[in-house]
Amino acid sequence: MHLLHLSLTNFRNFIRLETDLKEGPTILVGKNAQGKTSLLEAMYYLSEANSPHATSDRQLINFLALEDSPPVARIVAEISKSDRLQRLEIRLILEPVGQAGDVRLRKEILINGLKRRTNELAGTFNAVLFLPMNLIIVEGSPNERRKYLNSALVQSDPVYADALAKYHKVVPQRNALLKRLQERVSSHDELEYWDEQLADLGATIMRLRAHALHDLEKYAAEIHRSLTRSDENLRLEYLPSYNQPLPNSQLRLTELDFASLSRETLKEGLLSELERVRQAEIRRGASILGPHRDDIRFSLDGVDLRAYGSRGQNRTAMMAVKLGEVRWHYARTKEWPVLLLDEVLAELDPVRRDDLLERVGKVSQAILTTADIDMVNSQFRQQAEIWRISEGRISR
């Protein structure tokens, strides 16, 4: 996969940008607050119509465009794939609602000129984004790890994208019903329908997560051993909120066990567990089982990196996972994703920096940003296209 051309209109600090991109590595050099991160953000937005930085899509619309009627931000890309060319366009439109001056954001996605839903983006453009803040995936809350896994899977698996979108609608409605049951203003019979919905979608999500983590771990562990020049074993362990003993055993299911079980088996098990915790859920007024409560453990030779890993260990583990994700996407889609690296070199020591650049140089297409070109070794600079960015303007 190759991003051929990118066009931005009123996106962040870019009033207007038109640029072609080449295969191989591109280095984007500039001081802080010049648009480096916003450019990578726009590229990544094409992959799943979601920003890693903004809490609301409204923040992506340039403030000068807010004077327009209606305010519109637009990202347009030409993408080369192994068997075809595609045109992808995403529009963010603020439109008035009612008579009180309120506005709502409408998102339009067009693939080759045809409007599509967000969950139909899967596989159109795949990107792996590597940020210094990615350490929060290892060190932060379970929600951060779920967001990471969801982001990777949504890009490459339309079935997962569809199931997750529906699941995110089911859980709030089920929670609302549990609160009504807590107040004794609804019937328990209503809960059976939402249990069925949660278990059906949840089984699909859990099984696909287990498969994905099992495969991703293979690539990440191999790269980690190479980066550390050791036999340390990096593991990515699936920790579902619902688990069950293996038949005739007290052992709990591993991610490989989950991957081997049928969707129906997982669904039946989840339904059984939901019935078991029903009174606890009604007391809390919230769904306490399901993929929205899953977690992932990053461990090194059995040591939980969240609890005991050093910053250096966690950074190297995250580097291995992100580089492994590139190979994982290719194995699933037969298309190399575009690798986006935002100011990650400053976080690494010279040895890790050179290791990373060596691997980035072998990627089909990579765009990396830096405020200091001297952090990039001469060998990498010779094979890369170098851009300078200032106040949202790019020069080669």
Protein backbone atom coordinates (compact mmCIF):
# COMPACT_ATOMS: atom_id res chain seq x y z
CA MET A 1 0.00 0.00 0.00
CA HIS A 2 1.30 3.42 -0.97
CA LEU A 3 -0.10 6.87 -0.25
CA LEU A 4 0.41 8.67 -3.55
CA HIS A 5 -1.15 12.07 -2.91
CA LEU A 6 -2.60 13.91 0.08
CA SER A 7 -4.85 16.94 0.00
CA LEU A 8 -5.91 18.83 3.14
CA THR A 9 -8.43 21.66 3.42
CA ASN A 10 -9.04 23.41 6.75
CA PHE A 11 -7.56 20.52 8.72
CA ARG A 12 -5.88 21.68 11.93
CA ASN A 13 -3.36 24.40 10.94
CA PHE A 14 -3.46 23.49 7.25
CA ILE A 15 -5.70 25.87 5.32
CA ARG A 16 -4.67 24.15 2.09
CA LEU A 17 -2.09 21.49 1.35
CA GLU A 18 -1.39 19.44 -1.76
CA THR A 19 1.54 17.04 -1.73
CA ASP A 20 2.74 13.91 -3.50
CA LEU A 21 4.47 11.20 -1.52
CA LYS A 22 7.08 8.71 -2.65
CA GLU A 23 7.65 5.12 -1.62
CA GLY A 24 10.28 4.42 1.00
CA PRO A 25 11.09 6.75 3.90
CA THR A 26 10.26 10.46 4.14
CA ILE A 27 11.65 12.65 6.93
CA LEU A 28 9.58 15.66 7.97
CA VAL A 29 11.78 18.22 9.74
CA GLY A 30 10.51 21.24 11.62
CA LYS A 31 10.24 23.01 14.94
CA ASN A 32 7.40 22.31 17.32
CA ALA A 33 3.88 23.56 16.47
CA GLN A 34 4.60 23.82 12.73
CA GLY A 35 2.24 21.03 11.63
CA LYS A 36 4.35 17.85 11.73
CA THR A 37 2.04 16.00 14.07
CA SER A 38 -1.09 17.33 12.34
CA LEU A 39 0.12 15.96 9.01
CA LEU A 40 0.61 12.46 10.44
CA GLU A 41 -2.71 12.80 12.24
CA ALA A 42 -4.45 13.48 8.92
CA MET A 43 -2.80 10.44 7.32
CA TYR A 44 -3.77 8.22 10.22
CA TYR A 45 -7.32 9.59 10.20
CA LEU A 46 -7.74 8.05 6.77
CA SER A 47 -7.32 4.57 8.26
CA GLU A 48 -10.24 4.59 10.69
CA ALA A 49 -11.78 8.10 10.73
CA ASN A 50 -10.63 8.60 14.29
CA SER A 51 -7.93 10.87 15.72
CA PRO A 52 -5.33 9.69 18.25
CA HIS A 53 -5.04 13.26 19.58
CA ALA A 54 -8.44 14.96 19.43
CA THR A 55 -11.19 14.33 21.99
CA SER A 56 -13.71 15.60 19.45
CA ASP A 57 -13.62 15.74 15.64
CA ARG A 58 -14.65 19.38 15.88
CA GLN A 59 -11.13 20.15 17.07
CA LEU A 60 -9.79 19.06 13.67
CA ILE A 61 -11.53 21.89 11.80
CA ASN A 62 -9.28 24.94 11.36
CA PHE A 63 -10.56 27.82 13.50
CA LEU A 64 -10.59 30.21 10.51
CA ALA A 65 -12.99 27.86 8.73
CA LEU A 66 -15.50 28.29 11.56
CA GLU A 67 -16.49 31.56 9.90
CA ASP A 68 -17.61 29.66 6.79
CA SER A 69 -21.17 28.45 6.36
CA PRO A 70 -21.00 25.58 6.93
CA PRO A 71 -17.47 24.99 8.28
CA VAL A 72 -15.88 22.03 6.47
CA ALA A 73 -12.56 20.21 6.85
CA ARG A 74 -11.55 17.78 4.12
CA ILE A 75 -8.92 15.06 3.74
CA VAL A 76 -8.49 13.54 0.28
CA ALA A 77 -6.01 10.79 -0.59
CA GLU A 78 -5.01 8.80 -3.63
CA ILE A 79 -3.92 5.33 -2.60
CA SER A 80 -2.08 2.73 -4.63
CA LYS A 81 -2.73 -0.89 -3.73
CA SER A 82 -1.32 -4.03 -5.28
CA ASP A 83 -4.29 -4.47 -7.60
CA ARG A 84 -5.90 -1.03 -7.93
CA LEU A 85 -5.91 2.70 -7.28
CA GLN A 86 -8.40 4.19 -4.84
CA ARG A 87 -9.57 7.67 -3.93
CA LEU A 88 -10.56 8.21 -0.32
CA GLU A 89 -12.18 11.38 0.95
CA ILE A 90 -13.33 12.26 4.47
CA ARG A 91 -15.30 15.43 5.16
CA LEU A 92 -16.03 16.91 8.58
CA ILE A 93 -19.01 19.28 8.35
CA LEU A 94 -20.43 21.46 11.15
CA GLU A 95 -24.06 22.06 10.39
CA PRO A 96 -26.76 24.02 12.29
CA VAL A 97 -29.37 22.15 14.30
CA GLY A 98 -32.65 23.70 15.42
CA GLN A 99 -33.29 27.36 16.14
CA ALA A 100 -30.97 27.88 19.14
CA GLY A 101 -27.75 28.21 17.15
CA ASP A 102 -26.57 24.71 18.04
CA VAL A 103 -24.41 22.76 15.62
CA ARG A 104 -23.61 19.10 15.10
CA LEU A 105 -20.73 17.46 13.30
CA ARG A 106 -21.50 15.29 10.30
CA LYS A 107 -18.83 12.97 8.95
CA GLU A 108 -18.90 11.92 5.31
CA ILE A 109 -16.71 9.12 3.95
CA LEU A 110 -16.39 8.57 0.22
CA ILE A 111 -14.48 5.69 -1.37
CA ASN A 112 -14.07 6.20 -5.12
CA GLY A 113 -16.85 8.78 -4.93
CA LEU A 114 -19.38 6.52 -3.18
CA LYS A 115 -20.53 7.27 0.37
CA ARG A 116 -19.64 4.62 2.92
CA ARG A 117 -20.13 4.05 6.65
CA THR A 118 -17.14 4.32 8.99
CA ASN A 119 -16.99 0.56 9.58
CA GLU A 120 -16.71 0.06 5.80
CA LEU A 121 -13.31 1.78 5.83
CA ALA A 122 -11.57 -1.43 6.92
CA GLY A 123 -8.74 -2.29 4.55
CA THR A 124 -9.06 0.86 2.43
CA PHE A 125 -5.97 2.45 3.96
CA ASN A 126 -3.89 0.82 6.69
CA ALA A 127 -1.44 2.78 8.81
CA VAL A 128 0.64 2.02 11.90
CA LEU A 129 1.23 5.09 14.08
CA PHE A 130 4.14 5.14 16.53
CA LEU A 131 4.09 7.94 19.14
CA PRO A 132 6.13 8.66 22.28
CA MET A 133 2.83 8.57 24.18
CA ASN A 134 2.36 4.93 23.13
CA LEU A 135 3.99 3.95 26.42
CA ILE A 136 0.56 4.53 27.96
CA ILE A 137 -0.55 1.36 26.16
CA VAL A 138 1.82 -0.67 28.32
CA GLU A 139 1.67 1.43 31.49
CA GLY A 140 -1.84 2.87 31.45
CA SER A 141 -5.36 1.58 32.09
CA PRO A 142 -6.96 -1.44 30.39
CA ASN A 143 -8.95 1.01 28.27
CA GLU A 144 -5.72 2.15 26.57
CA ARG A 145 -4.83 -1.41 25.62
CA ARG A 146 -8.33 -2.12 24.35
CA LYS A 147 -8.21 1.06 22.25
CA TYR A 148 -4.91 -0.05 20.73
CA LEU A 149 -6.17 -3.52 19.82
CA ASN A 150 -9.47 -2.17 18.49
CA SER A 151 -7.62 0.34 16.32
CA ALA A 152 -5.42 -2.32 14.75
CA LEU A 153 -8.27 -4.76 14.11
CA VAL A 154 -10.77 -2.20 12.81
CA GLN A 155 -8.34 -1.33 10.01
CA SER A 156 -7.91 -4.85 8.72
CA ASP A 157 -11.09 -6.76 9.58
CA PRO A 158 -14.54 -5.58 8.35
CA VAL A 159 -16.28 -8.25 10.47
CA TYR A 160 -14.59 -6.95 13.62
CA ALA A 161 -15.29 -3.32 12.70
CA ASP A 162 -18.99 -4.06 12.22
CA ALA A 163 -19.29 -6.13 15.43
CA LEU A 164 -17.48 -3.52 17.51
CA ALA A 165 -19.64 -0.65 16.18
CA LYS A 166 -22.80 -2.58 17.07
CA TYR A 167 -21.42 -3.67 20.46
CA HIS A 168 -20.68 -0.04 21.40
CA LYS A 169 -24.38 0.67 20.88
CA VAL A 170 -25.61 -2.38 22.81
CA VAL A 171 -23.68 -1.77 26.05
CA PRO A 172 -25.08 1.74 26.80
CA GLN A 173 -28.64 0.54 26.11
CA ARG A 174 -28.16 -2.51 28.32
CA ASN A 175 -26.69 -0.30 31.07
CA ALA A 176 -29.72 1.99 30.86
CA LEU A 177 -31.99 -1.02 31.30
CA LEU A 178 -29.96 -2.26 34.29
CA LYS A 179 -30.42 1.13 35.95
CA ARG A 180 -34.17 0.95 35.36
CA LEU A 181 -34.20 -2.55 36.87
CA GLN A 182 -32.28 -1.16 39.83
CA GLU A 183 -35.13 1.32 40.27
CA ARG A 184 -37.70 -1.45 39.60
CA VAL A 185 -39.29 0.35 36.66
CA SER A 186 -38.61 -2.34 34.01
CA SER A 187 -39.11 -6.07 33.56
CA HIS A 188 -36.33 -8.66 33.80
CA ASP A 189 -37.67 -10.16 30.59
CA GLU A 190 -36.27 -7.19 28.63
CA LEU A 191 -32.77 -8.08 29.79
CA GLU A 192 -32.79 -11.40 27.96
CA TYR A 193 -32.83 -9.63 24.60
CA TRP A 194 -29.85 -7.43 25.49
CA ASP A 195 -27.99 -10.39 27.02
CA GLU A 196 -28.38 -12.18 23.70
CA GLN A 197 -27.09 -9.15 21.77
CA LEU A 198 -24.10 -8.62 24.06
CA ALA A 199 -23.15 -12.31 24.04
CA ASP A 200 -23.55 -12.71 20.28
CA LEU A 201 -21.41 -9.67 19.39
CA GLY A 202 -19.07 -10.23 22.34
CA ALA A 203 -18.24 -13.78 21.23
CA THR A 204 -17.25 -12.50 17.77
CA ILE A 205 -15.07 -9.75 19.24
CA MET A 206 -13.39 -12.02 21.79
CA ARG A 207 -12.53 -14.72 19.29
CA LEU A 208 -11.07 -12.24 16.79
CA ARG A 209 -9.07 -10.53 19.55
CA ALA A 210 -7.62 -13.86 20.63
CA HIS A 211 -6.59 -14.72 17.07
CA ALA A 212 -5.08 -11.27 16.53
CA LEU A 213 -3.02 -11.26 19.72
CA HIS A 214 -1.74 -14.76 19.10
CA ASP A 215 -0.47 -13.76 15.65
CA LEU A 216 0.79 -10.29 16.64
CA GLU A 217 2.78 -11.76 19.51
CA LYS A 218 4.77 -13.99 17.14
CA TYR A 219 6.00 -11.02 15.10
CA ALA A 220 6.57 -8.73 18.09
CA ALA A 221 8.49 -11.36 20.08
CA GLU A 222 10.84 -12.09 17.18
CA ILE A 223 11.57 -8.38 16.64
CA HIS A 224 12.02 -7.84 20.38
CA ARG A 225 14.67 -10.57 20.58
CA SER A 226 16.50 -8.94 17.68
CA LEU A 227 16.31 -5.44 19.17
CA THR A 228 17.54 -6.54 22.59
CA ARG A 229 20.05 -9.07 21.20
CA SER A 230 18.89 -11.52 23.83
CA ASP A 231 16.61 -14.49 24.44
CA GLU A 232 14.06 -12.48 26.44
CA ASN A 233 10.55 -13.58 25.60
CA LEU A 234 7.95 -10.84 25.01
CA ARG A 235 4.38 -12.00 25.54
CA LEU A 236 1.02 -10.37 24.79
CA GLU A 237 -1.54 -12.18 26.92
CA TYR A 238 -5.28 -11.86 26.40
CA LEU A 239 -7.14 -11.26 29.67
CA PRO A 240 -10.86 -11.39 28.88
CA SER A 241 -13.29 -10.23 31.55
CA TYR A 242 -15.14 -13.48 31.03
CA ASN A 243 -13.23 -16.73 31.24
CA GLN A 244 -14.02 -20.31 32.12
CA PRO A 245 -12.06 -23.39 33.17
CA LEU A 246 -11.01 -25.84 30.50
CA PRO A 247 -13.07 -29.05 30.52
CA ASN A 248 -12.15 -31.22 33.55
CA SER A 249 -9.55 -28.68 34.63
CA GLN A 250 -9.12 -25.61 36.81
CA LEU A 251 -6.87 -23.99 34.22
CA ARG A 252 -8.23 -20.90 32.51
CA LEU A 253 -8.37 -20.44 28.77
CA THR A 254 -5.34 -18.96 27.02
CA GLU A 255 -5.61 -16.79 23.90
CA LEU A 256 -4.86 -19.88 21.78
CA ASP A 257 -7.70 -21.74 23.52
CA PHE A 258 -10.05 -18.85 22.79
CA ALA A 259 -9.00 -18.83 19.16
CA SER A 260 -9.72 -22.56 18.88
CA LEU A 261 -13.19 -22.39 20.41
CA SER A 262 -16.21 -21.82 18.21
CA ARG A 263 -18.11 -18.56 18.37
CA GLU A 264 -21.20 -20.42 19.59
CA THR A 265 -19.27 -21.98 22.48
CA LEU A 266 -18.01 -18.58 23.57
CA LYS A 267 -21.48 -17.10 23.21
CA GLU A 268 -23.08 -19.82 25.35
CA GLY A 269 -20.40 -19.43 28.00
CA LEU A 270 -20.83 -15.65 28.09
CA LEU A 271 -24.63 -15.99 28.36
CA SER A 272 -24.18 -18.36 31.29
CA GLU A 273 -21.83 -15.93 33.04
CA LEU A 274 -24.21 -13.01 32.45
CA GLU A 275 -26.96 -14.96 34.16
CA ARG A 276 -24.64 -15.73 37.08
CA VAL A 277 -23.74 -12.06 37.68
CA ARG A 278 -27.20 -10.64 36.89
CA GLN A 279 -27.99 -9.46 40.42
CA ALA A 280 -24.55 -7.87 40.79
CA GLU A 281 -25.06 -5.98 37.51
CA ILE A 282 -28.49 -4.75 38.60
CA ARG A 283 -27.06 -3.52 41.91
CA ARG A 284 -24.34 -1.61 40.03
CA GLY A 285 -26.54 -0.54 37.15
CA ALA A 286 -23.76 -1.46 34.70
CA SER A 287 -22.54 -4.33 32.50
CA ILE A 288 -19.56 -5.88 34.29
CA LEU A 289 -18.75 -8.66 31.77
CA GLY A 290 -17.88 -8.47 28.11
CA PRO A 291 -15.19 -7.26 25.71
CA HIS A 292 -15.53 -3.69 27.04
CA ARG A 293 -13.84 -4.96 30.22
CA ASP A 294 -11.06 -7.02 28.58
CA ASP A 295 -7.36 -6.39 29.12
CA ILE A 296 -3.97 -7.34 27.65
CA ARG A 297 -0.84 -8.11 29.65
CA PHE A 298 2.58 -7.16 28.26
CA SER A 299 5.17 -9.37 29.94
CA LEU A 300 8.85 -10.13 29.59
CA ASP A 301 9.93 -13.59 30.70
CA GLY A 302 6.81 -13.73 32.85
CA VAL A 303 7.31 -10.29 34.44
CA ASP A 304 4.36 -7.92 34.03
CA LEU A 305 5.77 -4.81 32.34
CA ARG A 306 2.97 -2.57 33.58
CA ALA A 307 3.85 -3.28 37.20
CA TYR A 308 7.61 -3.92 37.04
CA GLY A 309 8.99 -2.85 33.66
CA SER A 310 11.49 0.00 33.40
CA ARG A 311 10.85 2.87 30.99
CA GLY A 312 13.53 1.48 28.71
CA GLN A 313 12.04 -2.03 28.73
CA ASN A 314 8.55 -0.71 28.09
CA ARG A 315 9.73 1.55 25.27
CA THR A 316 11.57 -1.32 23.56
CA ALA A 317 8.55 -3.60 23.98
CA MET A 318 6.27 -1.01 22.41
CA MET A 319 8.72 -0.50 19.54
CA ALA A 320 8.70 -4.26 18.90
CA VAL A 321 4.90 -4.37 18.99
CA LYS A 322 4.52 -1.47 16.53
CA LEU A 323 7.07 -2.94 14.12
CA GLY A 324 5.41 -6.32 14.53
CA GLU A 325 2.08 -4.71 13.72
CA VAL A 326 3.44 -3.73 10.30
CA ARG A 327 4.17 -7.37 9.48
CA TRP A 328 0.90 -8.47 11.09
CA HIS A 329 -1.13 -6.17 8.82
CA TYR A 330 0.68 -7.53 5.76
CA ALA A 331 0.02 -11.13 6.80
CA ARG A 332 -3.71 -10.37 7.13
CA THR A 333 -4.24 -8.14 4.08
CA LYS A 334 -1.28 -8.82 1.75
CA GLU A 335 -0.76 -5.04 1.69
CA TRP A 336 2.05 -3.28 3.58
CA PRO A 337 0.65 -0.55 5.84
CA VAL A 338 2.15 2.94 5.86
CA LEU A 339 4.31 3.47 8.96
CA LEU A 340 3.97 6.86 10.68
CA LEU A 341 6.48 7.83 13.39
CA ASP A 342 6.00 11.07 15.30
CA GLU A 343 9.03 12.38 17.22
CA VAL A 344 9.99 8.94 18.52
CA LEU A 345 13.73 9.27 17.88
CA ALA A 346 14.27 11.71 20.76
CA GLU A 347 12.97 9.08 23.17
CA LEU A 348 15.59 6.48 22.17
CA ASP A 349 19.27 6.02 22.91
CA PRO A 350 21.60 6.03 19.86
CA VAL A 351 21.73 2.23 19.58
CA ARG A 352 17.93 1.80 19.69
CA ARG A 353 17.57 4.77 17.33
CA ASP A 354 19.80 3.14 14.70
CA ASP A 355 18.01 -0.20 15.17
CA LEU A 356 14.68 1.47 14.55
CA LEU A 357 15.89 3.41 11.50
CA GLU A 358 17.35 0.27 9.98
CA ARG A 359 13.97 -1.44 10.18
CA VAL A 360 12.04 1.65 9.05
CA GLY A 361 14.27 1.81 5.96
CA LYS A 362 12.93 -1.60 4.88
CA VAL A 363 9.26 -0.61 5.15
CA SER A 364 7.38 -0.01 1.90
CA GLN A 365 6.46 3.57 2.90
CA ALA A 366 7.26 5.43 6.11
CA ILE A 367 6.91 9.05 7.20
CA LEU A 368 8.75 10.14 10.31
CA THR A 369 8.97 13.54 11.99
CA THR A 370 11.82 15.11 13.90
CA ALA A 371 12.77 18.53 15.19
CA ASP A 372 16.46 17.65 14.85
CA ILE A 373 17.71 16.09 11.62
CA ASP A 374 21.00 15.19 13.35
CA MET A 375 19.13 12.43 15.18
CA VAL A 376 18.85 10.65 11.83
CA ASN A 377 22.03 8.87 10.81
CA SER A 378 23.63 9.66 7.46
CA GLN A 379 22.90 6.24 5.96
CA PHE A 380 19.16 6.67 6.50
CA ARG A 381 19.20 10.26 5.27
CA GLN A 382 20.75 9.17 1.99
CA GLN A 383 17.83 6.86 1.19
CA ALA A 384 15.09 9.21 2.43
CA GLU A 385 13.21 12.14 0.98
CA ILE A 386 13.62 15.10 3.33
CA TRP A 387 10.91 17.75 3.78
CA ARG A 388 10.92 20.89 5.86
CA ILE A 389 7.71 22.18 7.39
CA SER A 390 7.04 25.69 8.68
CA GLU A 391 3.67 27.17 9.61
CA GLY A 392 1.82 24.42 7.78
CA ARG A 393 3.84 24.77 4.56
CA ILE A 394 6.07 22.04 3.18
CA SER A 395 9.24 22.50 1.15
CA ARG A 396 11.54 19.78 -0.12
